[in-house]
């Protein structure tokens, strides 16, 4: 088998172990301190910020339009509608505007 296959399998196993490991550690506690829970609830927003912030630094007009549309949709809609609106605007502007 190819090396790429084994690298992919190793990455999948490492990802699974990382995710299940955190769950197993947290499930051992009877009570989770409110500060720990607040910190864990902030992780998705922090990860999203680390993905979006670098892209904003090198963003062109299409990217800025997608960010603005996604931000506006997020005020009324959910996460999926925000993502889809931003993706549609980005794809359309990159396709037709350049």
PDB file of N, CA and C in Angstrom:
ATOM      1  N   UNK A   1       0.842  -1.185   0.000  1.00  0.00           N
ATOM      2  CA  UNK A   1       0.000   0.000   0.000  1.00  0.00           C
ATOM      3  C   UNK A   1       0.880   1.238   0.000  1.00  0.00           C
ATOM      4  N   UNK A   2       0.280   2.323  -0.451  1.00  0.00           N
ATOM      5  CA  UNK A   2       1.073   3.546  -0.585  1.00  0.00           C
ATOM      6  C   UNK A   2       1.280   4.245   0.756  1.00  0.00           C
ATOM      7  N   UNK A   3       2.293   5.072   0.773  1.00  0.00           N
ATOM      8  CA  UNK A   3       2.618   5.840   1.979  1.00  0.00           C
ATOM      9  C   UNK A   3       1.496   6.813   2.323  1.00  0.00           C
ATOM     10  N   UNK A   4       0.884   7.391   1.316  1.00  0.00           N
ATOM     11  CA  UNK A   4      -0.203   8.351   1.549  1.00  0.00           C
ATOM     12  C   UNK A   4      -1.359   7.687   2.279  1.00  0.00           C
ATOM     13  N   UNK A   5      -1.657   6.463   1.938  1.00  0.00           N
ATOM     14  CA  UNK A   5      -2.729   5.722   2.606  1.00  0.00           C
ATOM     15  C   UNK A   5      -2.434   5.591   4.095  1.00  0.00           C
ATOM     16  N   UNK A   6      -1.215   5.192   4.440  1.00  0.00           N
ATOM     17  CA  UNK A   6      -0.866   4.988   5.841  1.00  0.00           C
ATOM     18  C   UNK A   6      -0.803   6.300   6.606  1.00  0.00           C
ATOM     19  N   UNK A   7      -0.377   7.368   5.943  1.00  0.00           N
ATOM     20  CA  UNK A   7      -0.378   8.679   6.581  1.00  0.00           C
ATOM     21  C   UNK A   7      -1.810   9.111   6.880  1.00  0.00           C
ATOM     22  N   UNK A   8      -2.711   8.857   5.939  1.00  0.00           N
ATOM     23  CA  UNK A   8      -4.119   9.198   6.131  1.00  0.00           C
ATOM     24  C   UNK A   8      -4.722   8.398   7.282  1.00  0.00           C
ATOM     25  N   UNK A   9      -4.424   7.118   7.351  1.00  0.00           N
ATOM     26  CA  UNK A   9      -4.932   6.271   8.437  1.00  0.00           C
ATOM     27  C   UNK A   9      -4.377   6.745   9.778  1.00  0.00           C
ATOM     28  N   UNK A  10      -3.084   7.065   9.836  1.00  0.00           N
ATOM     29  CA  UNK A  10      -2.474   7.541  11.083  1.00  0.00           C
ATOM     30  C   UNK A  10      -3.091   8.869  11.521  1.00  0.00           C
ATOM     31  N   UNK A  11      -3.342   9.766  10.573  1.00  0.00           N
ATOM     32  CA  UNK A  11      -3.968  11.047  10.910  1.00  0.00           C
ATOM     33  C   UNK A  11      -5.387  10.837  11.428  1.00  0.00           C
ATOM     34  N   UNK A  12      -6.124   9.916  10.817  1.00  0.00           N
ATOM     35  CA  UNK A  12      -7.489   9.637  11.269  1.00  0.00           C
ATOM     36  C   UNK A  12      -7.488   9.064  12.682  1.00  0.00           C
ATOM     37  N   UNK A  13      -6.583   8.141  12.950  1.00  0.00           N
ATOM     38  CA  UNK A  13      -6.498   7.546  14.294  1.00  0.00           C
ATOM     39  C   UNK A  13      -6.108   8.610  15.317  1.00  0.00           C
ATOM     40  N   UNK A  14      -5.125   9.448  14.982  1.00  0.00           N
ATOM     41  CA  UNK A  14      -4.693  10.499  15.907  1.00  0.00           C
ATOM     42  C   UNK A  14      -5.823  11.480  16.185  1.00  0.00           C
ATOM     43  N   UNK A  15      -6.570  11.846  15.150  1.00  0.00           N
ATOM     44  CA  UNK A  15      -7.703  12.758  15.332  1.00  0.00           C
ATOM     45  C   UNK A  15      -8.766  12.123  16.221  1.00  0.00           C
ATOM     46  N   UNK A  16      -9.079  10.865  15.970  1.00  0.00           N
ATOM     47  CA  UNK A  16     -10.086  10.171  16.782  1.00  0.00           C
ATOM     48  C   UNK A  16      -9.647  10.081  18.233  1.00  0.00           C
ATOM     49  N   UNK A  17      -8.406   9.700  18.469  1.00  0.00           N
ATOM     50  CA  UNK A  17      -7.919   9.569  19.838  1.00  0.00           C
ATOM     51  C   UNK A  17      -7.920  10.912  20.567  1.00  0.00           C
ATOM     52  N   UNK A  18      -7.577  11.966  19.863  1.00  0.00           N
ATOM     53  CA  UNK A  18      -7.597  13.296  20.466  1.00  0.00           C
ATOM     54  C   UNK A  18      -9.011  13.682  20.874  1.00  0.00           C
ATOM     55  N   UNK A  19      -9.961  13.453  19.994  1.00  0.00           N
ATOM     56  CA  UNK A  19     -11.353  13.826  20.298  1.00  0.00           C
ATOM     57  C   UNK A  19     -11.945  12.967  21.409  1.00  0.00           C
ATOM     58  N   UNK A  20     -11.759  11.679  21.341  1.00  0.00           N
ATOM     59  CA  UNK A  20     -12.339  10.797  22.351  1.00  0.00           C
ATOM     60  C   UNK A  20     -11.607  10.954  23.682  1.00  0.00           C
ATOM     61  N   UNK A  21     -10.314  11.282  23.637  1.00  0.00           N
ATOM     62  CA  UNK A  21      -9.544  11.475  24.865  1.00  0.00           C
ATOM     63  C   UNK A  21     -10.089  12.619  25.700  1.00  0.00           C
ATOM     64  N   UNK A  22     -10.392  13.731  25.062  1.00  0.00           N
ATOM     65  CA  UNK A  22     -10.972  14.862  25.786  1.00  0.00           C
ATOM     66  C   UNK A  22     -12.307  14.515  26.405  1.00  0.00           C
ATOM     67  N   UNK A  23     -13.112  13.794  25.673  1.00  0.00           N
ATOM     68  CA  UNK A  23     -14.421  13.369  26.193  1.00  0.00           C
ATOM     69  C   UNK A  23     -14.254  12.441  27.400  1.00  0.00           C
ATOM     70  N   UNK A  24     -13.324  11.513  27.300  1.00  0.00           N
ATOM     71  CA  UNK A  24     -13.116  10.577  28.410  1.00  0.00           C
ATOM     72  C   UNK A  24     -12.611  11.280  29.659  1.00  0.00           C
ATOM     73  N   UNK A  25     -11.738  12.261  29.485  1.00  0.00           N
ATOM     74  CA  UNK A  25     -11.218  12.990  30.651  1.00  0.00           C
ATOM     75  C   UNK A  25     -12.341  13.778  31.320  1.00  0.00           C
ATOM     76  N   UNK A  26     -13.117  14.508  30.535  1.00  0.00           N
ATOM     77  CA  UNK A  26     -14.205  15.325  31.096  1.00  0.00           C
ATOM     78  C   UNK A  26     -15.289  14.453  31.711  1.00  0.00           C
ATOM     79  N   UNK A  27     -15.570  13.295  31.130  1.00  0.00           N
ATOM     80  CA  UNK A  27     -16.642  12.444  31.652  1.00  0.00           C
ATOM     81  C   UNK A  27     -16.299  11.841  33.020  1.00  0.00           C
ATOM     82  N   UNK A  28     -15.045  11.873  33.420  1.00  0.00           N
ATOM     83  CA  UNK A  28     -14.637  11.345  34.729  1.00  0.00           C
ATOM     84  C   UNK A  28     -15.064  12.259  35.881  1.00  0.00           C
ATOM     85  N   UNK A  29     -15.314  13.520  35.593  1.00  0.00           N
ATOM     86  CA  UNK A  29     -15.679  14.469  36.634  1.00  0.00           C
ATOM     87  C   UNK A  29     -17.187  14.451  36.861  1.00  0.00           C
ATOM     88  N   UNK A  30     -17.591  14.484  38.132  1.00  0.00           N
ATOM     89  CA  UNK A  30     -19.017  14.546  38.436  1.00  0.00           C
ATOM     90  C   UNK A  30     -19.561  15.942  38.145  1.00  0.00           C
ATOM     91  N   UNK A  31     -18.820  16.949  38.559  1.00  0.00           N
ATOM     92  CA  UNK A  31     -19.223  18.334  38.333  1.00  0.00           C
ATOM     93  C   UNK A  31     -18.105  19.060  37.599  1.00  0.00           C
ATOM     94  N   UNK A  32     -18.488  19.853  36.648  1.00  0.00           N
ATOM     95  CA  UNK A  32     -17.523  20.673  35.924  1.00  0.00           C
ATOM     96  C   UNK A  32     -17.676  22.098  36.421  1.00  0.00           C
ATOM     97  N   UNK A  33     -16.573  22.698  36.785  1.00  0.00           N
ATOM     98  CA  UNK A  33     -16.591  24.071  37.295  1.00  0.00           C
ATOM     99  C   UNK A  33     -17.143  24.992  36.198  1.00  0.00           C
ATOM    100  N   UNK A  34     -17.963  25.975  36.575  1.00  0.00           N
ATOM    101  CA  UNK A  34     -18.540  26.881  35.575  1.00  0.00           C
ATOM    102  C   UNK A  34     -17.503  27.590  34.699  1.00  0.00           C
ATOM    103  N   UNK A  35     -16.346  27.891  35.261  1.00  0.00           N
ATOM    104  CA  UNK A  35     -15.309  28.550  34.456  1.00  0.00           C
ATOM    105  C   UNK A  35     -14.749  27.603  33.393  1.00  0.00           C
ATOM    106  N   UNK A  36     -14.599  26.340  33.745  1.00  0.00           N
ATOM    107  CA  UNK A  36     -14.130  25.354  32.774  1.00  0.00           C
ATOM    108  C   UNK A  36     -15.166  25.183  31.676  1.00  0.00           C
ATOM    109  N   UNK A  37     -16.419  25.103  32.071  1.00  0.00           N
ATOM    110  CA  UNK A  37     -17.490  24.968  31.082  1.00  0.00           C
ATOM    111  C   UNK A  37     -17.549  26.185  30.164  1.00  0.00           C
ATOM    112  N   UNK A  38     -17.390  27.377  30.721  1.00  0.00           N
ATOM    113  CA  UNK A  38     -17.377  28.596  29.905  1.00  0.00           C
ATOM    114  C   UNK A  38     -16.204  28.584  28.932  1.00  0.00           C
ATOM    115  N   UNK A  39     -15.062  28.112  29.399  1.00  0.00           N
ATOM    116  CA  UNK A  39     -13.892  28.018  28.522  1.00  0.00           C
ATOM    117  C   UNK A  39     -14.107  27.033  27.390  1.00  0.00           C
ATOM    118  N   UNK A  40     -14.692  25.894  27.711  1.00  0.00           N
ATOM    119  CA  UNK A  40     -14.970  24.899  26.672  1.00  0.00           C
ATOM    120  C   UNK A  40     -16.009  25.401  25.673  1.00  0.00           C
ATOM    121  N   UNK A  41     -16.976  26.177  26.156  1.00  0.00           N
ATOM    122  CA  UNK A  41     -17.976  26.734  25.252  1.00  0.00           C
ATOM    123  C   UNK A  41     -17.385  27.795  24.334  1.00  0.00           C
ATOM    124  N   UNK A  42     -16.266  28.414  24.721  1.00  0.00           N
ATOM    125  CA  UNK A  42     -15.639  29.450  23.908  1.00  0.00           C
ATOM    126  C   UNK A  42     -14.720  28.877  22.831  1.00  0.00           C
ATOM    127  N   UNK A  43     -14.406  27.608  22.899  1.00  0.00           N
ATOM    128  CA  UNK A  43     -13.462  27.010  21.953  1.00  0.00           C
ATOM    129  C   UNK A  43     -13.929  27.122  20.497  1.00  0.00           C
ATOM    130  N   UNK A  44     -15.184  26.809  20.145  1.00  0.00           N
ATOM    131  CA  UNK A  44     -15.574  26.925  18.733  1.00  0.00           C
ATOM    132  C   UNK A  44     -15.388  28.335  18.169  1.00  0.00           C
ATOM    133  N   UNK A  45     -15.738  29.351  18.941  1.00  0.00           N
ATOM    134  CA  UNK A  45     -15.557  30.726  18.465  1.00  0.00           C
ATOM    135  C   UNK A  45     -14.083  31.060  18.301  1.00  0.00           C
ATOM    136  N   UNK A  46     -13.247  30.566  19.196  1.00  0.00           N
ATOM    137  CA  UNK A  46     -11.809  30.814  19.100  1.00  0.00           C
ATOM    138  C   UNK A  46     -11.212  30.145  17.868  1.00  0.00           C
ATOM    139  N   UNK A  47     -11.643  28.928  17.589  1.00  0.00           N
ATOM    140  CA  UNK A  47     -11.142  28.219  16.412  1.00  0.00           C
ATOM    141  C   UNK A  47     -11.601  28.934  15.145  1.00  0.00           C
ATOM    142  N   UNK A  48     -12.853  29.347  15.104  1.00  0.00           N
ATOM    143  CA  UNK A  48     -13.360  30.069  13.943  1.00  0.00           C
ATOM    144  C   UNK A  48     -12.587  31.362  13.724  1.00  0.00           C
ATOM    145  N   UNK A  49     -12.279  32.063  14.799  1.00  0.00           N
ATOM    146  CA  UNK A  49     -11.510  33.295  14.697  1.00  0.00           C
ATOM    147  C   UNK A  49     -10.123  33.029  14.129  1.00  0.00           C
ATOM    148  N   UNK A  50      -9.477  31.953  14.554  1.00  0.00           N
ATOM    149  CA  UNK A  50      -8.140  31.653  14.043  1.00  0.00           C
ATOM    150  C   UNK A  50      -8.162  31.264  12.571  1.00  0.00           C
ATOM    151  N   UNK A  51      -9.303  30.810  12.088  1.00  0.00           N
ATOM    152  CA  UNK A  51      -9.415  30.488  10.667  1.00  0.00           C
ATOM    153  C   UNK A  51      -9.758  31.712   9.827  1.00  0.00           C
ATOM    154  N   UNK A  52     -10.600  32.590  10.359  1.00  0.00           N
ATOM    155  CA  UNK A  52     -11.081  33.740   9.585  1.00  0.00           C
ATOM    156  C   UNK A  52     -10.100  34.908   9.620  1.00  0.00           C
ATOM    157  N   UNK A  53      -9.481  35.164  10.759  1.00  0.00           N
ATOM    158  CA  UNK A  53      -8.619  36.348  10.906  1.00  0.00           C
ATOM    159  C   UNK A  53      -7.480  36.384   9.888  1.00  0.00           C
ATOM    160  N   UNK A  54      -6.712  35.320   9.684  1.00  0.00           N
ATOM    161  CA  UNK A  54      -5.647  35.394   8.673  1.00  0.00           C
ATOM    162  C   UNK A  54      -6.189  35.620   7.263  1.00  0.00           C
ATOM    163  N   UNK A  55      -7.327  35.046   6.964  1.00  0.00           N
ATOM    164  CA  UNK A  55      -7.916  35.239   5.644  1.00  0.00           C
ATOM    165  C   UNK A  55      -8.341  36.684   5.426  1.00  0.00           C
ATOM    166  N   UNK A  56      -8.750  37.343   6.495  1.00  0.00           N
ATOM    167  CA  UNK A  56      -9.170  38.745   6.367  1.00  0.00           C
ATOM    168  C   UNK A  56      -7.982  39.662   6.065  1.00  0.00           C
ATOM    169  N   UNK A  57      -6.800  39.292   6.505  1.00  0.00           N
ATOM    170  CA  UNK A  57      -5.629  40.130   6.268  1.00  0.00           C
ATOM    171  C   UNK A  57      -5.250  40.188   4.795  1.00  0.00           C
ATOM    172  N   UNK A  58      -5.476  39.109   4.073  1.00  0.00           N
ATOM    173  CA  UNK A  58      -5.156  39.045   2.649  1.00  0.00           C
ATOM    174  C   UNK A  58      -6.403  39.066   1.777  1.00  0.00           C
ATOM    175  N   UNK A  59      -7.516  39.512   2.326  1.00  0.00           N
ATOM    176  CA  UNK A  59      -8.800  39.423   1.620  1.00  0.00           C
ATOM    177  C   UNK A  59      -8.901  40.461   0.514  1.00  0.00           C
ATOM    178  N   UNK A  60      -9.537  40.028  -0.555  1.00  0.00           N
ATOM    179  CA  UNK A  60      -9.871  40.927  -1.648  1.00  0.00           C
ATOM    180  C   UNK A  60     -11.336  41.321  -1.534  1.00  0.00           C
ATOM    181  N   UNK A  61     -11.864  41.967  -2.555  1.00  0.00           N
ATOM    182  CA  UNK A  61     -13.270  42.407  -2.514  1.00  0.00           C
ATOM    183  C   UNK A  61     -14.265  41.254  -2.365  1.00  0.00           C
ATOM    184  N   UNK A  62     -14.001  40.136  -3.009  1.00  0.00           N
ATOM    185  CA  UNK A  62     -14.922  38.999  -2.918  1.00  0.00           C
ATOM    186  C   UNK A  62     -14.958  38.448  -1.495  1.00  0.00           C
ATOM    187  N   UNK A  63     -13.805  38.349  -0.880  1.00  0.00           N
ATOM    188  CA  UNK A  63     -13.740  37.819   0.481  1.00  0.00           C
ATOM    189  C   UNK A  63     -14.405  38.764   1.474  1.00  0.00           C
ATOM    190  N   UNK A  64     -14.158  40.070   1.326  1.00  0.00           N
ATOM    191  CA  UNK A  64     -14.783  41.041   2.226  1.00  0.00           C
ATOM    192  C   UNK A  64     -16.302  41.029   2.074  1.00  0.00           C
ATOM    193  N   UNK A  65     -16.786  40.916   0.833  1.00  0.00           N
ATOM    194  CA  UNK A  65     -18.235  40.860   0.618  1.00  0.00           C
ATOM    195  C   UNK A  65     -18.824  39.615   1.284  1.00  0.00           C
ATOM    196  N   UNK A  66     -18.131  38.482   1.166  1.00  0.00           N
ATOM    197  CA  UNK A  66     -18.612  37.243   1.785  1.00  0.00           C
ATOM    198  C   UNK A  66     -18.623  37.362   3.301  1.00  0.00           C
ATOM    199  N   UNK A  67     -17.607  38.002   3.872  1.00  0.00           N
ATOM    200  CA  UNK A  67     -17.550  38.181   5.324  1.00  0.00           C
ATOM    201  C   UNK A  67     -18.688  39.074   5.795  1.00  0.00           C
ATOM    202  N   UNK A  68     -18.947  40.153   5.065  1.00  0.00           N
ATOM    203  CA  UNK A  68     -20.027  41.077   5.445  1.00  0.00           C
ATOM    204  C   UNK A  68     -21.381  40.374   5.352  1.00  0.00           C
ATOM    205  N   UNK A  69     -21.605  39.646   4.263  1.00  0.00           N
ATOM    206  CA  UNK A  69     -22.877  38.927   4.100  1.00  0.00           C
ATOM    207  C   UNK A  69     -23.038  37.879   5.191  1.00  0.00           C
ATOM    208  N   UNK A  70     -21.990  37.130   5.475  1.00  0.00           N
ATOM    209  CA  UNK A  70     -22.066  36.110   6.526  1.00  0.00           C
ATOM    210  C   UNK A  70     -22.353  36.746   7.884  1.00  0.00           C
ATOM    211  N   UNK A  71     -21.730  37.890   8.148  1.00  0.00           N
ATOM    212  CA  UNK A  71     -21.978  38.573   9.424  1.00  0.00           C
ATOM    213  C   UNK A  71     -23.423  39.040   9.520  1.00  0.00           C
ATOM    214  N   UNK A  72     -23.959  39.575   8.439  1.00  0.00           N
ATOM    215  CA  UNK A  72     -25.347  40.036   8.451  1.00  0.00           C
ATOM    216  C   UNK A  72     -26.327  38.875   8.607  1.00  0.00           C
ATOM    217  N   UNK A  73     -26.067  37.785   7.915  1.00  0.00           N
ATOM    218  CA  UNK A  73     -26.941  36.611   8.019  1.00  0.00           C
ATOM    219  C   UNK A  73     -26.869  36.017   9.427  1.00  0.00           C
ATOM    220  N   UNK A  74     -25.703  36.098  10.064  1.00  0.00           N
ATOM    221  CA  UNK A  74     -25.559  35.527  11.404  1.00  0.00           C
ATOM    222  C   UNK A  74     -26.401  36.255  12.440  1.00  0.00           C
ATOM    223  N   UNK A  75     -26.781  37.488  12.147  1.00  0.00           N
ATOM    224  CA  UNK A  75     -27.620  38.234  13.092  1.00  0.00           C
ATOM    225  C   UNK A  75     -29.025  37.658  13.191  1.00  0.00           C
ATOM    226  N   UNK A  76     -29.489  37.027  12.129  1.00  0.00           N
ATOM    227  CA  UNK A  76     -30.850  36.462  12.111  1.00  0.00           C
ATOM    228  C   UNK A  76     -30.891  34.949  11.983  1.00  0.00           C
ATOM    229  N   UNK A  77     -29.908  34.386  11.316  1.00  0.00           N
ATOM    230  CA  UNK A  77     -29.941  32.959  11.028  1.00  0.00           C
ATOM    231  C   UNK A  77     -29.002  32.173  11.909  1.00  0.00           C
ATOM    232  N   UNK A  78     -28.909  30.917  11.604  1.00  0.00           N
ATOM    233  CA  UNK A  78     -28.037  30.035  12.366  1.00  0.00           C
ATOM    234  C   UNK A  78     -26.675  29.893  11.708  1.00  0.00           C
ATOM    235  N   UNK A  79     -25.888  28.991  12.244  1.00  0.00           N
ATOM    236  CA  UNK A  79     -24.526  28.787  11.770  1.00  0.00           C
ATOM    237  C   UNK A  79     -24.505  28.279  10.329  1.00  0.00           C
ATOM    238  N   UNK A  80     -25.383  27.346  10.003  1.00  0.00           N
ATOM    239  CA  UNK A  80     -25.388  26.787   8.658  1.00  0.00           C
ATOM    240  C   UNK A  80     -25.810  27.818   7.621  1.00  0.00           C
ATOM    241  N   UNK A  81     -26.833  28.613   7.923  1.00  0.00           N
ATOM    242  CA  UNK A  81     -27.257  29.631   6.959  1.00  0.00           C
ATOM    243  C   UNK A  81     -26.172  30.689   6.783  1.00  0.00           C
ATOM    244  N   UNK A  82     -25.458  31.023   7.856  1.00  0.00           N
ATOM    245  CA  UNK A  82     -24.358  31.981   7.761  1.00  0.00           C
ATOM    246  C   UNK A  82     -23.262  31.421   6.856  1.00  0.00           C
ATOM    247  N   UNK A  83     -22.885  30.183   7.073  1.00  0.00           N
ATOM    248  CA  UNK A  83     -21.840  29.564   6.265  1.00  0.00           C
ATOM    249  C   UNK A  83     -22.247  29.489   4.795  1.00  0.00           C
ATOM    250  N   UNK A  84     -23.465  29.034   4.549  1.00  0.00           N
ATOM    251  CA  UNK A  84     -23.914  28.893   3.167  1.00  0.00           C
ATOM    252  C   UNK A  84     -24.002  30.242   2.454  1.00  0.00           C
ATOM    253  N   UNK A  85     -24.510  31.263   3.130  1.00  0.00           N
ATOM    254  CA  UNK A  85     -24.600  32.586   2.505  1.00  0.00           C
ATOM    255  C   UNK A  85     -23.217  33.121   2.167  1.00  0.00           C
ATOM    256  N   UNK A  86     -22.294  33.013   3.097  1.00  0.00           N
ATOM    257  CA  UNK A  86     -20.939  33.475   2.828  1.00  0.00           C
ATOM    258  C   UNK A  86     -20.276  32.702   1.706  1.00  0.00           C
ATOM    259  N   UNK A  87     -20.460  31.385   1.692  1.00  0.00           N
ATOM    260  CA  UNK A  87     -19.861  30.554   0.649  1.00  0.00           C
ATOM    261  C   UNK A  87     -20.439  30.866  -0.721  1.00  0.00           C
ATOM    262  N   UNK A  88     -21.756  31.042  -0.792  1.00  0.00           N
ATOM    263  CA  UNK A  88     -22.398  31.358  -2.072  1.00  0.00           C
ATOM    264  C   UNK A  88     -21.898  32.697  -2.609  1.00  0.00           C
ATOM    265  N   UNK A  89     -21.834  33.700  -1.754  1.00  0.00           N
ATOM    266  CA  UNK A  89     -21.354  35.017  -2.190  1.00  0.00           C
ATOM    267  C   UNK A  89     -19.903  34.927  -2.638  1.00  0.00           C
ATOM    268  N   UNK A  90     -19.076  34.247  -1.874  1.00  0.00           N
ATOM    269  CA  UNK A  90     -17.663  34.119  -2.228  1.00  0.00           C
ATOM    270  C   UNK A  90     -17.482  33.402  -3.558  1.00  0.00           C
ATOM    271  N   UNK A  91     -18.158  32.288  -3.734  1.00  0.00           N
ATOM    272  CA  UNK A  91     -18.030  31.524  -4.986  1.00  0.00           C
ATOM    273  C   UNK A  91     -18.539  32.334  -6.163  1.00  0.00           C
ATOM    274  N   UNK A  92     -19.698  32.974  -6.006  1.00  0.00           N
ATOM    275  CA  UNK A  92     -20.262  33.749  -7.103  1.00  0.00           C
ATOM    276  C   UNK A  92     -19.355  34.915  -7.493  1.00  0.00           C
ATOM    277  N   UNK A  93     -18.873  35.646  -6.516  1.00  0.00           N
ATOM    278  CA  UNK A  93     -18.017  36.787  -6.835  1.00  0.00           C
ATOM    279  C   UNK A  93     -16.681  36.355  -7.423  1.00  0.00           C
ATOM    280  N   UNK A  94     -16.120  35.282  -6.924  1.00  0.00           N
ATOM    281  CA  UNK A  94     -14.859  34.793  -7.522  1.00  0.00           C
ATOM    282  C   UNK A  94     -15.066  34.291  -8.938  1.00  0.00           C
ATOM    283  N   UNK A  95     -16.235  33.713  -9.197  1.00  0.00           N
ATOM    284  CA  UNK A  95     -16.521  33.177 -10.525  1.00  0.00           C
ATOM    285  C   UNK A  95     -16.799  34.287 -11.534  1.00  0.00           C
ATOM    286  N   UNK A  96     -17.615  35.254 -11.148  1.00  0.00           N
ATOM    287  CA  UNK A  96     -18.087  36.246 -12.099  1.00  0.00           C
ATOM    288  C   UNK A  96     -17.338  37.564 -12.075  1.00  0.00           C
ATOM    289  N   UNK A  97     -16.773  37.924 -10.927  1.00  0.00           N
ATOM    290  CA  UNK A  97     -16.067  39.199 -10.839  1.00  0.00           C
ATOM    291  C   UNK A  97     -14.566  38.999 -11.018  1.00  0.00           C
ATOM    292  N   UNK A  98     -14.067  37.925 -10.459  1.00  0.00           N
ATOM    293  CA  UNK A  98     -12.647  37.634 -10.636  1.00  0.00           C
ATOM    294  C   UNK A  98     -11.915  37.806  -9.451  1.00  0.00           C
TER     295      UNK A  98
END
